[in-house]
């Protein structure tokens, strides 16, 4: 049986399930998307707030009320596409 295709929505669901942050460049790099515009059309909701800026670990342009309440429960931030790919292989 083939694995489900890797999509932004699938990554967001897994990051949310495991309370794990990843940078825009890690997610964009893995999906082959421009990290600066891959969220165009996506709402500012807690599930989408797990993708963050490398500089500060916070999602860009989110108000505190739009961020997941557990956003900082795990101090680690996945910073590269390779690290994200390895993490996804072990977190379904």
C-alpha atoms as a PDB file:
ATOM      1  CA  UNK A   1       0.000   0.000   0.000  1.00  0.00           C
ATOM      2  CA  UNK A   2       1.413   3.406  -0.990  1.00  0.00           C
ATOM      3  CA  UNK A   3       1.772   6.173   1.550  1.00  0.00           C
ATOM      4  CA  UNK A   4      -0.543   9.154   1.249  1.00  0.00           C
ATOM      5  CA  UNK A   5       0.934  12.012  -0.768  1.00  0.00           C
ATOM      6  CA  UNK A   6       2.742  14.616   1.255  1.00  0.00           C
ATOM      7  CA  UNK A   7       0.783  17.869   1.238  1.00  0.00           C
ATOM      8  CA  UNK A   8       0.844  21.039   3.280  1.00  0.00           C
ATOM      9  CA  UNK A   9      -2.416  20.002   4.951  1.00  0.00           C
ATOM     10  CA  UNK A  10      -1.008  16.565   5.834  1.00  0.00           C
ATOM     11  CA  UNK A  11       2.118  18.148   7.347  1.00  0.00           C
ATOM     12  CA  UNK A  12       0.033  20.654   9.313  1.00  0.00           C
ATOM     13  CA  UNK A  13      -2.128  17.860  10.714  1.00  0.00           C
ATOM     14  CA  UNK A  14       0.916  15.911  11.903  1.00  0.00           C
ATOM     15  CA  UNK A  15       2.665  18.931  13.385  1.00  0.00           C
ATOM     16  CA  UNK A  16      -0.554  19.755  15.222  1.00  0.00           C
ATOM     17  CA  UNK A  17      -1.072  16.180  16.448  1.00  0.00           C
ATOM     18  CA  UNK A  18       2.449  16.010  17.886  1.00  0.00           C
ATOM     19  CA  UNK A  19       2.657  19.679  18.999  1.00  0.00           C
ATOM     20  CA  UNK A  20       5.763  20.273  16.909  1.00  0.00           C
ATOM     21  CA  UNK A  21       6.897  23.521  15.278  1.00  0.00           C
ATOM     22  CA  UNK A  22       8.729  23.606  11.942  1.00  0.00           C
ATOM     23  CA  UNK A  23      10.082  26.574  10.014  1.00  0.00           C
ATOM     24  CA  UNK A  24       8.554  27.933   6.842  1.00  0.00           C
ATOM     25  CA  UNK A  25      11.770  27.030   5.011  1.00  0.00           C
ATOM     26  CA  UNK A  26      11.691  23.423   6.279  1.00  0.00           C
ATOM     27  CA  UNK A  27       8.110  22.891   5.119  1.00  0.00           C
ATOM     28  CA  UNK A  28       8.520  24.813   1.870  1.00  0.00           C
ATOM     29  CA  UNK A  29      11.785  23.048   1.115  1.00  0.00           C
ATOM     30  CA  UNK A  30      10.254  19.626   1.613  1.00  0.00           C
ATOM     31  CA  UNK A  31       7.238  20.410  -0.558  1.00  0.00           C
ATOM     32  CA  UNK A  32       9.126  22.416  -3.191  1.00  0.00           C
ATOM     33  CA  UNK A  33       7.081  25.521  -2.376  1.00  0.00           C
ATOM     34  CA  UNK A  34       8.156  29.102  -1.839  1.00  0.00           C
ATOM     35  CA  UNK A  35       8.040  29.548   1.945  1.00  0.00           C
ATOM     36  CA  UNK A  36       7.039  33.204   1.541  1.00  0.00           C
ATOM     37  CA  UNK A  37       3.743  32.483  -0.179  1.00  0.00           C
ATOM     38  CA  UNK A  38       2.827  28.869   0.579  1.00  0.00           C
ATOM     39  CA  UNK A  39       0.164  30.010   3.084  1.00  0.00           C
ATOM     40  CA  UNK A  40      -1.642  32.413   0.748  1.00  0.00           C
ATOM     41  CA  UNK A  41      -5.340  31.690   1.187  1.00  0.00           C
ATOM     42  CA  UNK A  42      -4.847  29.746   4.437  1.00  0.00           C
ATOM     43  CA  UNK A  43      -6.614  31.081   7.537  1.00  0.00           C
ATOM     44  CA  UNK A  44      -4.791  32.272  10.640  1.00  0.00           C
ATOM     45  CA  UNK A  45      -5.954  29.417  12.873  1.00  0.00           C
ATOM     46  CA  UNK A  46      -4.206  27.454  15.617  1.00  0.00           C
ATOM     47  CA  UNK A  47      -3.633  24.346  13.464  1.00  0.00           C
ATOM     48  CA  UNK A  48      -1.686  26.400  10.926  1.00  0.00           C
ATOM     49  CA  UNK A  49       0.414  28.176  13.546  1.00  0.00           C
ATOM     50  CA  UNK A  50       2.878  25.271  13.931  1.00  0.00           C
ATOM     51  CA  UNK A  51       4.833  26.604  10.932  1.00  0.00           C
ATOM     52  CA  UNK A  52       7.023  29.412  12.210  1.00  0.00           C
ATOM     53  CA  UNK A  53       9.763  31.886  11.384  1.00  0.00           C
ATOM     54  CA  UNK A  54      13.285  30.596  11.954  1.00  0.00           C
ATOM     55  CA  UNK A  55      14.356  33.836  13.639  1.00  0.00           C
ATOM     56  CA  UNK A  56      11.895  33.716  16.538  1.00  0.00           C
ATOM     57  CA  UNK A  57       9.889  30.464  16.412  1.00  0.00           C
ATOM     58  CA  UNK A  58       6.624  32.367  16.006  1.00  0.00           C
ATOM     59  CA  UNK A  59       4.190  32.184  13.073  1.00  0.00           C
ATOM     60  CA  UNK A  60       4.317  35.321  10.949  1.00  0.00           C
ATOM     61  CA  UNK A  61       1.431  37.819  11.218  1.00  0.00           C
ATOM     62  CA  UNK A  62      -0.469  35.784  13.823  1.00  0.00           C
ATOM     63  CA  UNK A  63      -2.113  37.417  16.819  1.00  0.00           C
ATOM     64  CA  UNK A  64      -1.645  35.590  20.114  1.00  0.00           C
ATOM     65  CA  UNK A  65      -5.317  34.525  20.015  1.00  0.00           C
ATOM     66  CA  UNK A  66      -4.742  32.840  16.627  1.00  0.00           C
ATOM     67  CA  UNK A  67      -1.800  30.729  17.821  1.00  0.00           C
ATOM     68  CA  UNK A  68      -2.200  27.253  19.240  1.00  0.00           C
ATOM     69  CA  UNK A  69      -2.202  27.424  23.056  1.00  0.00           C
ATOM     70  CA  UNK A  70       0.447  24.668  23.188  1.00  0.00           C
ATOM     71  CA  UNK A  71       2.721  26.304  20.602  1.00  0.00           C
ATOM     72  CA  UNK A  72       5.651  26.587  23.002  1.00  0.00           C
ATOM     73  CA  UNK A  73       5.134  23.309  24.897  1.00  0.00           C
ATOM     74  CA  UNK A  74       7.951  21.737  22.885  1.00  0.00           C
ATOM     75  CA  UNK A  75      11.024  23.988  22.703  1.00  0.00           C
ATOM     76  CA  UNK A  76      12.466  22.266  19.628  1.00  0.00           C
ATOM     77  CA  UNK A  77      11.818  23.755  16.173  1.00  0.00           C
ATOM     78  CA  UNK A  78      12.486  21.676  13.057  1.00  0.00           C
ATOM     79  CA  UNK A  79      14.660  23.899  10.864  1.00  0.00           C
ATOM     80  CA  UNK A  80      15.484  21.949   7.691  1.00  0.00           C
ATOM     81  CA  UNK A  81      13.609  19.970   5.069  1.00  0.00           C
ATOM     82  CA  UNK A  82      15.804  16.944   5.799  1.00  0.00           C
ATOM     83  CA  UNK A  83      15.056  17.079   9.510  1.00  0.00           C
ATOM     84  CA  UNK A  84      11.331  17.460   8.752  1.00  0.00           C
ATOM     85  CA  UNK A  85      11.388  14.507   6.379  1.00  0.00           C
ATOM     86  CA  UNK A  86      13.081  12.346   9.025  1.00  0.00           C
ATOM     87  CA  UNK A  87      10.658  13.551  11.690  1.00  0.00           C
ATOM     88  CA  UNK A  88       7.632  12.789   9.480  1.00  0.00           C
ATOM     89  CA  UNK A  89       8.956   9.270   8.848  1.00  0.00           C
ATOM     90  CA  UNK A  90       8.717   8.611  12.591  1.00  0.00           C
ATOM     91  CA  UNK A  91       5.537  10.544  13.449  1.00  0.00           C
ATOM     92  CA  UNK A  92       2.364   9.406  11.753  1.00  0.00           C
END
